[in-house]
Amino acid sequence: HDAPGKARAAASHQSLVLQCPSCPAYTLQPMGRDHGSGRYLAATVVGQEKCLECGSSLQVTGPIFHGAIHDRAFVERVKEKLAHGELFRVRCQIGLMGCVLP
């Protein structure tokens, strides 16, 4: 990240996973939250201990990233350069960009 605020904002896109071992249900517990006007704080803990679907005890796994993983504007610029032959290995790159932005 190129700014401290963006680094702090990244925490709001990371979560612990509260997974039920008995059924496919899960809940995401964010590790950070947006407090407004560019301020990011640690998230408060959700008090859920039992699965809402089957009542089993939940297991904590993760963390996982649940935000956007691609910068859409950057990918569009790369696709445009590929279309104009400005980059090498065009077939390979076009295929890759097609997977990122269908």
PDB file of N, CA and C in Angstrom:
ATOM      1  N   HIS A   1       0.845  -1.186   0.000  1.00  0.00           N
ATOM      2  CA  HIS A   1       0.000   0.000   0.000  1.00  0.00           C
ATOM      3  C   HIS A   1       0.884   1.241   0.000  1.00  0.00           C
ATOM      4  N   ASP A   2       0.394   2.275  -0.659  1.00  0.00           N
ATOM      5  CA  ASP A   2       1.200   3.481  -0.782  1.00  0.00           C
ATOM      6  C   ASP A   2       0.812   4.562   0.222  1.00  0.00           C
ATOM      7  N   ALA A   3      -0.122   4.285   1.099  1.00  0.00           N
ATOM      8  CA  ALA A   3      -0.519   5.261   2.111  1.00  0.00           C
ATOM      9  C   ALA A   3      -0.945   4.526   3.372  1.00  0.00           C
ATOM     10  N   PRO A   4      -0.668   5.110   4.538  1.00  0.00           N
ATOM     11  CA  PRO A   4      -1.052   4.448   5.794  1.00  0.00           C
ATOM     12  C   PRO A   4      -2.548   4.158   5.884  1.00  0.00           C
ATOM     13  N   GLY A   5      -3.369   5.060   5.368  1.00  0.00           N
ATOM     14  CA  GLY A   5      -4.813   4.858   5.420  1.00  0.00           C
ATOM     15  C   GLY A   5      -5.246   3.634   4.633  1.00  0.00           C
ATOM     16  N   LYS A   6      -4.609   3.411   3.478  1.00  0.00           N
ATOM     17  CA  LYS A   6      -4.953   2.236   2.679  1.00  0.00           C
ATOM     18  C   LYS A   6      -4.540   0.955   3.387  1.00  0.00           C
ATOM     19  N   ALA A   7      -3.422   0.994   4.080  1.00  0.00           N
ATOM     20  CA  ALA A   7      -2.977  -0.186   4.841  1.00  0.00           C
ATOM     21  C   ALA A   7      -3.965  -0.490   5.961  1.00  0.00           C
ATOM     22  N   ARG A   8      -4.421   0.540   6.655  1.00  0.00           N
ATOM     23  CA  ARG A   8      -5.408   0.327   7.719  1.00  0.00           C
ATOM     24  C   ARG A   8      -6.738  -0.152   7.142  1.00  0.00           C
ATOM     25  N   ALA A   9      -7.103   0.367   5.970  1.00  0.00           N
ATOM     26  CA  ALA A   9      -8.359  -0.034   5.336  1.00  0.00           C
ATOM     27  C   ALA A   9      -8.338  -1.510   4.957  1.00  0.00           C
ATOM     28  N   ALA A  10      -7.156  -2.050   4.652  1.00  0.00           N
ATOM     29  CA  ALA A  10      -7.052  -3.460   4.256  1.00  0.00           C
ATOM     30  C   ALA A  10      -7.560  -4.379   5.356  1.00  0.00           C
ATOM     31  N   ALA A  11      -7.422  -3.986   6.608  1.00  0.00           N
ATOM     32  CA  ALA A  11      -7.899  -4.821   7.718  1.00  0.00           C
ATOM     33  C   ALA A  11      -9.413  -4.993   7.672  1.00  0.00           C
ATOM     34  N   SER A  12     -10.128  -4.030   7.104  1.00  0.00           N
ATOM     35  CA  SER A  12     -11.580  -4.161   7.025  1.00  0.00           C
ATOM     36  C   SER A  12     -11.994  -5.160   5.952  1.00  0.00           C
ATOM     37  N   HIS A  13     -11.035  -5.644   5.154  1.00  0.00           N
ATOM     38  CA  HIS A  13     -11.313  -6.651   4.133  1.00  0.00           C
ATOM     39  C   HIS A  13     -10.732  -8.014   4.520  1.00  0.00           C
ATOM     40  N   GLN A  14     -10.329  -8.166   5.763  1.00  0.00           N
ATOM     41  CA  GLN A  14      -9.825  -9.444   6.260  1.00  0.00           C
ATOM     42  C   GLN A  14     -10.764  -9.923   7.358  1.00  0.00           C
ATOM     43  N   SER A  15     -10.998 -11.218   7.352  1.00  0.00           N
ATOM     44  CA  SER A  15     -11.923 -11.779   8.332  1.00  0.00           C
ATOM     45  C   SER A  15     -11.424 -13.125   8.834  1.00  0.00           C
ATOM     46  N   LEU A  16     -11.845 -13.442  10.044  1.00  0.00           N
ATOM     47  CA  LEU A  16     -11.742 -14.809  10.535  1.00  0.00           C
ATOM     48  C   LEU A  16     -13.016 -15.514  10.074  1.00  0.00           C
ATOM     49  N   VAL A  17     -12.923 -16.807   9.847  1.00  0.00           N
ATOM     50  CA  VAL A  17     -14.079 -17.581   9.414  1.00  0.00           C
ATOM     51  C   VAL A  17     -14.561 -18.406  10.597  1.00  0.00           C
ATOM     52  N   LEU A  18     -15.817 -18.253  10.949  1.00  0.00           N
ATOM     53  CA  LEU A  18     -16.445 -19.075  11.980  1.00  0.00           C
ATOM     54  C   LEU A  18     -17.176 -20.178  11.238  1.00  0.00           C
ATOM     55  N   GLN A  19     -16.561 -21.368  11.177  1.00  0.00           N
ATOM     56  CA  GLN A  19     -17.034 -22.485  10.351  1.00  0.00           C
ATOM     57  C   GLN A  19     -17.694 -23.551  11.202  1.00  0.00           C
ATOM     58  N   CYS A  20     -18.829 -24.021  10.743  1.00  0.00           N
ATOM     59  CA  CYS A  20     -19.497 -25.134  11.411  1.00  0.00           C
ATOM     60  C   CYS A  20     -18.915 -26.441  10.881  1.00  0.00           C
ATOM     61  N   PRO A  21     -18.436 -27.326  11.766  1.00  0.00           N
ATOM     62  CA  PRO A  21     -17.890 -28.607  11.309  1.00  0.00           C
ATOM     63  C   PRO A  21     -18.968 -29.623  10.933  1.00  0.00           C
ATOM     64  N   SER A  22     -20.222 -29.340  11.287  1.00  0.00           N
ATOM     65  CA  SER A  22     -21.301 -30.305  11.056  1.00  0.00           C
ATOM     66  C   SER A  22     -22.144 -30.018   9.816  1.00  0.00           C
ATOM     67  N   CYS A  23     -22.087 -28.787   9.313  1.00  0.00           N
ATOM     68  CA  CYS A  23     -22.854 -28.432   8.121  1.00  0.00           C
ATOM     69  C   CYS A  23     -22.061 -27.372   7.348  1.00  0.00           C
ATOM     70  N   PRO A  24     -22.489 -26.999   6.158  1.00  0.00           N
ATOM     71  CA  PRO A  24     -21.694 -26.054   5.365  1.00  0.00           C
ATOM     72  C   PRO A  24     -21.810 -24.581   5.797  1.00  0.00           C
ATOM     73  N   ALA A  25     -22.489 -24.285   6.879  1.00  0.00           N
ATOM     74  CA  ALA A  25     -22.682 -22.894   7.301  1.00  0.00           C
ATOM     75  C   ALA A  25     -21.389 -22.278   7.824  1.00  0.00           C
ATOM     76  N   TYR A  26     -21.228 -20.981   7.573  1.00  0.00           N
ATOM     77  CA  TYR A  26     -20.096 -20.222   8.106  1.00  0.00           C
ATOM     78  C   TYR A  26     -20.490 -18.758   8.242  1.00  0.00           C
ATOM     79  N   THR A  27     -19.721 -18.039   9.036  1.00  0.00           N
ATOM     80  CA  THR A  27     -19.900 -16.604   9.228  1.00  0.00           C
ATOM     81  C   THR A  27     -18.529 -15.962   9.148  1.00  0.00           C
ATOM     82  N   LEU A  28     -18.460 -14.765   8.551  1.00  0.00           N
ATOM     83  CA  LEU A  28     -17.204 -14.016   8.519  1.00  0.00           C
ATOM     84  C   LEU A  28     -17.173 -13.027   9.667  1.00  0.00           C
ATOM     85  N   GLN A  29     -16.066 -13.012  10.398  1.00  0.00           N
ATOM     86  CA  GLN A  29     -15.844 -12.066  11.492  1.00  0.00           C
ATOM     87  C   GLN A  29     -14.788 -11.074  11.027  1.00  0.00           C
ATOM     88  N   PRO A  30     -15.186  -9.862  10.587  1.00  0.00           N
ATOM     89  CA  PRO A  30     -14.207  -8.887  10.112  1.00  0.00           C
ATOM     90  C   PRO A  30     -13.169  -8.555  11.183  1.00  0.00           C
ATOM     91  N   MET A  31     -11.933  -8.300  10.753  1.00  0.00           N
ATOM     92  CA  MET A  31     -10.847  -7.976  11.675  1.00  0.00           C
ATOM     93  C   MET A  31     -10.695  -6.468  11.862  1.00  0.00           C
ATOM     94  N   GLY A  32     -11.374  -5.694  11.041  1.00  0.00           N
ATOM     95  CA  GLY A  32     -11.331  -4.242  11.152  1.00  0.00           C
ATOM     96  C   GLY A  32     -12.634  -3.670  10.633  1.00  0.00           C
ATOM     97  N   ARG A  33     -12.861  -2.392  10.927  1.00  0.00           N
ATOM     98  CA  ARG A  33     -14.087  -1.755  10.436  1.00  0.00           C
ATOM     99  C   ARG A  33     -13.810  -0.287  10.135  1.00  0.00           C
ATOM    100  N   ASP A  34     -14.576   0.232   9.204  1.00  0.00           N
ATOM    101  CA  ASP A  34     -14.479   1.636   8.814  1.00  0.00           C
ATOM    102  C   ASP A  34     -15.249   2.461   9.836  1.00  0.00           C
ATOM    103  N   HIS A  35     -14.563   3.345  10.518  1.00  0.00           N
ATOM    104  CA  HIS A  35     -15.192   4.186  11.542  1.00  0.00           C
ATOM    105  C   HIS A  35     -15.636   5.530  10.946  1.00  0.00           C
ATOM    106  N   GLY A  36     -15.460   5.694   9.654  1.00  0.00           N
ATOM    107  CA  GLY A  36     -15.870   6.934   8.993  1.00  0.00           C
ATOM    108  C   GLY A  36     -14.715   7.899   8.822  1.00  0.00           C
ATOM    109  N   SER A  37     -14.798   8.713   7.818  1.00  0.00           N
ATOM    110  CA  SER A  37     -13.796   9.737   7.453  1.00  0.00           C
ATOM    111  C   SER A  37     -12.359   9.203   7.472  1.00  0.00           C
ATOM    112  N   GLY A  38     -12.183   8.018   6.893  1.00  0.00           N
ATOM    113  CA  GLY A  38     -10.836   7.477   6.752  1.00  0.00           C
ATOM    114  C   GLY A  38     -10.238   6.862   7.993  1.00  0.00           C
ATOM    115  N   ARG A  39     -11.033   6.674   9.033  1.00  0.00           N
ATOM    116  CA  ARG A  39     -10.532   6.069  10.268  1.00  0.00           C
ATOM    117  C   ARG A  39     -10.964   4.615  10.327  1.00  0.00           C
ATOM    118  N   TYR A  40     -10.004   3.734  10.573  1.00  0.00           N
ATOM    119  CA  TYR A  40     -10.280   2.303  10.650  1.00  0.00           C
ATOM    120  C   TYR A  40      -9.862   1.784  12.015  1.00  0.00           C
ATOM    121  N   LEU A  41     -10.743   1.014  12.622  1.00  0.00           N
ATOM    122  CA  LEU A  41     -10.502   0.498  13.966  1.00  0.00           C
ATOM    123  C   LEU A  41     -10.636  -1.023  13.972  1.00  0.00           C
ATOM    124  N   ALA A  42     -10.149  -1.643  15.021  1.00  0.00           N
ATOM    125  CA  ALA A  42     -10.340  -3.084  15.193  1.00  0.00           C
ATOM    126  C   ALA A  42     -11.823  -3.367  15.334  1.00  0.00           C
ATOM    127  N   ALA A  43     -12.259  -4.463  14.761  1.00  0.00           N
ATOM    128  CA  ALA A  43     -13.678  -4.813  14.819  1.00  0.00           C
ATOM    129  C   ALA A  43     -14.044  -5.355  16.191  1.00  0.00           C
ATOM    130  N   THR A  44     -15.307  -5.235  16.528  1.00  0.00           N
ATOM    131  CA  THR A  44     -15.802  -5.839  17.762  1.00  0.00           C
ATOM    132  C   THR A  44     -16.133  -7.302  17.487  1.00  0.00           C
ATOM    133  N   VAL A  45     -16.046  -8.128  18.494  1.00  0.00           N
ATOM    134  CA  VAL A  45     -16.262  -9.565  18.351  1.00  0.00           C
ATOM    135  C   VAL A  45     -17.754  -9.865  18.317  1.00  0.00           C
ATOM    136  N   VAL A  46     -18.139 -10.710  17.370  1.00  0.00           N
ATOM    137  CA  VAL A  46     -19.515 -11.184  17.307  1.00  0.00           C
ATOM    138  C   VAL A  46     -19.645 -12.299  18.337  1.00  0.00           C
ATOM    139  N   GLY A  47     -20.700 -12.283  19.142  1.00  0.00           N
ATOM    140  CA  GLY A  47     -20.857 -13.244  20.230  1.00  0.00           C
ATOM    141  C   GLY A  47     -21.415 -14.590  19.819  1.00  0.00           C
ATOM    142  N   GLN A  48     -21.358 -14.926  18.543  1.00  0.00           N
ATOM    143  CA  GLN A  48     -21.924 -16.186  18.076  1.00  0.00           C
ATOM    144  C   GLN A  48     -20.988 -17.348  18.389  1.00  0.00           C
ATOM    145  N   GLU A  49     -21.455 -18.317  19.165  1.00  0.00           N
ATOM    146  CA  GLU A  49     -20.655 -19.500  19.496  1.00  0.00           C
ATOM    147  C   GLU A  49     -21.219 -20.759  18.864  1.00  0.00           C
ATOM    148  N   LYS A  50     -22.496 -20.746  18.540  1.00  0.00           N
ATOM    149  CA  LYS A  50     -23.175 -21.917  17.974  1.00  0.00           C
ATOM    150  C   LYS A  50     -23.629 -21.613  16.553  1.00  0.00           C
ATOM    151  N   CYS A  51     -23.661 -22.645  15.734  1.00  0.00           N
ATOM    152  CA  CYS A  51     -24.136 -22.536  14.357  1.00  0.00           C
ATOM    153  C   CYS A  51     -25.623 -22.178  14.361  1.00  0.00           C
ATOM    154  N   LEU A  52     -26.000 -21.195  13.569  1.00  0.00           N
ATOM    155  CA  LEU A  52     -27.399 -20.786  13.488  1.00  0.00           C
ATOM    156  C   LEU A  52     -28.247 -21.811  12.736  1.00  0.00           C
ATOM    157  N   GLU A  53     -27.601 -22.667  11.950  1.00  0.00           N
ATOM    158  CA  GLU A  53     -28.327 -23.670  11.165  1.00  0.00           C
ATOM    159  C   GLU A  53     -28.580 -24.959  11.942  1.00  0.00           C
ATOM    160  N   CYS A  54     -27.535 -25.477  12.627  1.00  0.00           N
ATOM    161  CA  CYS A  54     -27.681 -26.796  13.265  1.00  0.00           C
ATOM    162  C   CYS A  54     -27.357 -26.807  14.758  1.00  0.00           C
ATOM    163  N   GLY A  55     -26.843 -25.704  15.307  1.00  0.00           N
ATOM    164  CA  GLY A  55     -26.570 -25.630  16.740  1.00  0.00           C
ATOM    165  C   GLY A  55     -25.224 -26.166  17.183  1.00  0.00           C
ATOM    166  N   SER A  56     -24.382 -26.643  16.252  1.00  0.00           N
ATOM    167  CA  SER A  56     -23.050 -27.153  16.610  1.00  0.00           C
ATOM    168  C   SER A  56     -22.127 -26.005  17.009  1.00  0.00           C
ATOM    169  N   SER A  57     -21.086 -26.316  17.770  1.00  0.00           N
ATOM    170  CA  SER A  57     -20.078 -25.312  18.121  1.00  0.00           C
ATOM    171  C   SER A  57     -19.286 -24.935  16.873  1.00  0.00           C
ATOM    172  N   LEU A  58     -18.961 -23.659  16.754  1.00  0.00           N
ATOM    173  CA  LEU A  58     -18.229 -23.168  15.591  1.00  0.00           C
ATOM    174  C   LEU A  58     -16.725 -23.298  15.800  1.00  0.00           C
ATOM    175  N   GLN A  59     -15.998 -23.487  14.712  1.00  0.00           N
ATOM    176  CA  GLN A  59     -14.544 -23.506  14.727  1.00  0.00           C
ATOM    177  C   GLN A  59     -14.055 -22.212  14.080  1.00  0.00           C
ATOM    178  N   VAL A  60     -12.976 -21.646  14.624  1.00  0.00           N
ATOM    179  CA  VAL A  60     -12.392 -20.424  14.075  1.00  0.00           C
ATOM    180  C   VAL A  60     -11.276 -20.811  13.115  1.00  0.00           C
ATOM    181  N   THR A  61     -11.353 -20.333  11.881  1.00  0.00           N
ATOM    182  CA  THR A  61     -10.311 -20.551  10.877  1.00  0.00           C
ATOM    183  C   THR A  61      -9.989 -19.214  10.221  1.00  0.00           C
ATOM    184  N   GLY A  62      -8.995 -19.224   9.356  1.00  0.00           N
ATOM    185  CA  GLY A  62      -8.641 -17.990   8.649  1.00  0.00           C
ATOM    186  C   GLY A  62      -7.364 -17.421   9.198  1.00  0.00           C
ATOM    187  N   PRO A  63      -7.043 -16.214   8.910  1.00  0.00           N
ATOM    188  CA  PRO A  63      -7.895 -15.211   8.258  1.00  0.00           C
ATOM    189  C   PRO A  63      -7.944 -15.393   6.739  1.00  0.00           C
ATOM    190  N   ILE A  64      -8.976 -14.796   6.150  1.00  0.00           N
ATOM    191  CA  ILE A  64      -9.094 -14.754   4.701  1.00  0.00           C
ATOM    192  C   ILE A  64      -9.274 -13.303   4.272  1.00  0.00           C
ATOM    193  N   PHE A  65      -8.961 -13.015   3.020  1.00  0.00           N
ATOM    194  CA  PHE A  65      -9.187 -11.693   2.439  1.00  0.00           C
ATOM    195  C   PHE A  65     -10.490 -11.769   1.661  1.00  0.00           C
ATOM    196  N   HIS A  66     -11.442 -10.889   1.955  1.00  0.00           N
ATOM    197  CA  HIS A  66     -12.730 -10.941   1.283  1.00  0.00           C
ATOM    198  C   HIS A  66     -13.037  -9.660   0.501  1.00  0.00           C
ATOM    199  N   GLY A  67     -12.003  -8.880   0.200  1.00  0.00           N
ATOM    200  CA  GLY A  67     -12.185  -7.687  -0.618  1.00  0.00           C
ATOM    201  C   GLY A  67     -11.853  -7.956  -2.071  1.00  0.00           C
ATOM    202  N   ALA A  68     -11.882  -6.919  -2.870  1.00  0.00           N
ATOM    203  CA  ALA A  68     -11.523  -7.037  -4.286  1.00  0.00           C
ATOM    204  C   ALA A  68     -10.037  -7.393  -4.401  1.00  0.00           C
ATOM    205  N   ILE A  69      -9.712  -8.326  -5.303  1.00  0.00           N
ATOM    206  CA  ILE A  69      -8.316  -8.733  -5.437  1.00  0.00           C
ATOM    207  C   ILE A  69      -7.662  -8.164  -6.692  1.00  0.00           C
ATOM    208  N   HIS A  70      -8.436  -7.435  -7.500  1.00  0.00           N
ATOM    209  CA  HIS A  70      -7.889  -6.846  -8.713  1.00  0.00           C
ATOM    210  C   HIS A  70      -8.228  -5.366  -8.774  1.00  0.00           C
ATOM    211  N   ASP A  71      -7.297  -4.584  -9.285  1.00  0.00           N
ATOM    212  CA  ASP A  71      -7.541  -3.168  -9.546  1.00  0.00           C
ATOM    213  C   ASP A  71      -8.102  -3.090 -10.964  1.00  0.00           C
ATOM    214  N   ARG A  72      -9.397  -2.890 -11.075  1.00  0.00           N
ATOM    215  CA  ARG A  72     -10.088  -2.937 -12.362  1.00  0.00           C
ATOM    216  C   ARG A  72      -9.478  -1.965 -13.374  1.00  0.00           C
ATOM    217  N   ALA A  73      -9.156  -0.751 -12.959  1.00  0.00           N
ATOM    218  CA  ALA A  73      -8.588   0.240 -13.879  1.00  0.00           C
ATOM    219  C   ALA A  73      -7.245  -0.239 -14.427  1.00  0.00           C
ATOM    220  N   PHE A  74      -6.405  -0.831 -13.578  1.00  0.00           N
ATOM    221  CA  PHE A  74      -5.111  -1.340 -14.021  1.00  0.00           C
ATOM    222  C   PHE A  74      -5.289  -2.460 -15.042  1.00  0.00           C
ATOM    223  N   VAL A  75      -6.190  -3.395 -14.754  1.00  0.00           N
ATOM    224  CA  VAL A  75      -6.409  -4.511 -15.665  1.00  0.00           C
ATOM    225  C   VAL A  75      -6.934  -4.012 -17.007  1.00  0.00           C
ATOM    226  N   GLU A  76      -7.818  -3.031 -16.986  1.00  0.00           N
ATOM    227  CA  GLU A  76      -8.332  -2.461 -18.239  1.00  0.00           C
ATOM    228  C   GLU A  76      -7.206  -1.814 -19.044  1.00  0.00           C
ATOM    229  N   ARG A  77      -6.276  -1.114 -18.377  1.00  0.00           N
ATOM    230  CA  ARG A  77      -5.141  -0.500 -19.093  1.00  0.00           C
ATOM    231  C   ARG A  77      -4.249  -1.566 -19.709  1.00  0.00           C
ATOM    232  N   VAL A  78      -4.005  -2.653 -18.995  1.00  0.00           N
ATOM    233  CA  VAL A  78      -3.188  -3.743 -19.531  1.00  0.00           C
ATOM    234  C   VAL A  78      -3.873  -4.360 -20.742  1.00  0.00           C
ATOM    235  N   LYS A  79      -5.195  -4.600 -20.638  1.00  0.00           N
ATOM    236  CA  LYS A  79      -5.928  -5.169 -21.773  1.00  0.00           C
ATOM    237  C   LYS A  79      -5.847  -4.261 -22.995  1.00  0.00           C
ATOM    238  N   GLU A  80      -5.923  -2.957 -22.773  1.00  0.00           N
ATOM    239  CA  GLU A  80      -5.843  -2.000 -23.883  1.00  0.00           C
ATOM    240  C   GLU A  80      -4.454  -2.042 -24.530  1.00  0.00           C
ATOM    241  N   LYS A  81      -3.407  -2.093 -23.718  1.00  0.00           N
ATOM    242  CA  LYS A  81      -2.042  -2.178 -24.253  1.00  0.00           C
ATOM    243  C   LYS A  81      -1.833  -3.478 -25.021  1.00  0.00           C
ATOM    244  N   LEU A  82      -2.416  -4.558 -24.528  1.00  0.00           N
ATOM    245  CA  LEU A  82      -2.313  -5.837 -25.221  1.00  0.00           C
ATOM    246  C   LEU A  82      -2.998  -5.770 -26.580  1.00  0.00           C
ATOM    247  N   ALA A  83      -4.152  -5.142 -26.616  1.00  0.00           N
ATOM    248  CA  ALA A  83      -4.901  -5.034 -27.865  1.00  0.00           C
ATOM    249  C   ALA A  83      -4.130  -4.237 -28.918  1.00  0.00           C
ATOM    250  N   HIS A  84      -3.303  -3.290 -28.470  1.00  0.00           N
ATOM    251  CA  HIS A  84      -2.520  -2.460 -29.391  1.00  0.00           C
ATOM    252  C   HIS A  84      -1.114  -3.002 -29.617  1.00  0.00           C
ATOM    253  N   GLY A  85      -0.824  -4.206 -29.097  1.00  0.00           N
ATOM    254  CA  GLY A  85       0.478  -4.836 -29.323  1.00  0.00           C
ATOM    255  C   GLY A  85       1.632  -4.177 -28.595  1.00  0.00           C
ATOM    256  N   GLU A  86       1.360  -3.481 -27.490  1.00  0.00           N
ATOM    257  CA  GLU A  86       2.412  -2.782 -26.755  1.00  0.00           C
ATOM    258  C   GLU A  86       3.128  -3.686 -25.750  1.00  0.00           C
ATOM    259  N   LEU A  87       2.606  -4.883 -25.518  1.00  0.00           N
ATOM    260  CA  LEU A  87       3.218  -5.808 -24.565  1.00  0.00           C
ATOM    261  C   LEU A  87       3.548  -7.121 -25.266  1.00  0.00           C
ATOM    262  N   PHE A  88       4.491  -7.877 -24.712  1.00  0.00           N
ATOM    263  CA  PHE A  88       4.916  -9.144 -25.293  1.00  0.00           C
ATOM    264  C   PHE A  88       4.035 -10.292 -24.816  1.00  0.00           C
ATOM    265  N   ARG A  89       4.168 -11.443 -25.499  1.00  0.00           N
ATOM    266  CA  ARG A  89       3.424 -12.657 -25.175  1.00  0.00           C
ATOM    267  C   ARG A  89       1.925 -12.378 -25.136  1.00  0.00           C
ATOM    268  N   VAL A  90       1.441 -11.761 -26.176  1.00  0.00           N
ATOM    269  CA  VAL A  90       0.074 -11.261 -26.220  1.00  0.00           C
ATOM    270  C   VAL A  90      -0.962 -12.349 -25.970  1.00  0.00           C
ATOM    271  N   ARG A  91      -0.859 -13.501 -26.612  1.00  0.00           N
ATOM    272  CA  ARG A  91      -1.885 -14.538 -26.427  1.00  0.00           C
ATOM    273  C   ARG A  91      -2.003 -14.961 -24.971  1.00  0.00           C
ATOM    274  N   CYS A  92      -0.867 -15.191 -24.359  1.00  0.00           N
ATOM    275  CA  CYS A  92      -0.856 -15.608 -22.951  1.00  0.00           C
ATOM    276  C   CYS A  92      -1.469 -14.524 -22.065  1.00  0.00           C
ATOM    277  N   GLN A  93      -1.069 -13.287 -22.281  1.00  0.00           N
ATOM    278  CA  GLN A  93      -1.552 -12.186 -21.443  1.00  0.00           C
ATOM    279  C   GLN A  93      -3.042 -11.917 -21.646  1.00  0.00           C
ATOM    280  N   ILE A  94      -3.496 -11.998 -22.896  1.00  0.00           N
ATOM    281  CA  ILE A  94      -4.926 -11.775 -23.152  1.00  0.00           C
ATOM    282  C   ILE A  94      -5.745 -12.845 -22.438  1.00  0.00           C
ATOM    283  N   GLY A  95      -5.267 -14.087 -22.476  1.00  0.00           N
ATOM    284  CA  GLY A  95      -5.965 -15.162 -21.759  1.00  0.00           C
ATOM    285  C   GLY A  95      -6.032 -14.902 -20.271  1.00  0.00           C
ATOM    286  N   LEU A  96      -4.918 -14.446 -19.705  1.00  0.00           N
ATOM    287  CA  LEU A  96      -4.860 -14.145 -18.275  1.00  0.00           C
ATOM    288  C   LEU A  96      -5.814 -13.009 -17.917  1.00  0.00           C
ATOM    289  N   MET A  97      -5.801 -11.947 -18.703  1.00  0.00           N
ATOM    290  CA  MET A  97      -6.675 -10.811 -18.422  1.00  0.00           C
ATOM    291  C   MET A  97      -8.152 -11.197 -18.583  1.00  0.00           C
ATOM    292  N   GLY A  98      -8.429 -12.126 -19.491  1.00  0.00           N
ATOM    293  CA  GLY A  98      -9.795 -12.609 -19.652  1.00  0.00           C
ATOM    294  C   GLY A  98     -10.297 -13.340 -18.420  1.00  0.00           C
ATOM    295  N   CYS A  99      -9.389 -14.010 -17.716  1.00  0.00           N
ATOM    296  CA  CYS A  99      -9.765 -14.691 -16.468  1.00  0.00           C
ATOM    297  C   CYS A  99     -10.000 -13.703 -15.340  1.00  0.00           C
ATOM    298  N   VAL A 100      -9.232 -12.625 -15.328  1.00  0.00           N
ATOM    299  CA  VAL A 100      -9.350 -11.633 -14.254  1.00  0.00           C
ATOM    300  C   VAL A 100     -10.633 -10.824 -14.406  1.00  0.00           C
ATOM    301  N   LEU A 101     -10.875 -10.346 -15.629  1.00  0.00           N
ATOM    302  CA  LEU A 101     -12.089  -9.570 -15.904  1.00  0.00           C
ATOM    303  C   LEU A 101     -12.823 -10.216 -17.067  1.00  0.00           C
ATOM    304  N   PRO A 102     -13.773 -11.082 -16.777  1.00  0.00           N
ATOM    305  CA  PRO A 102     -14.509 -11.753 -17.868  1.00  0.00           C
ATOM    306  C   PRO A 102     -15.321 -10.793 -18.696  1.00  0.00           C
TER     307      PRO A 102
END
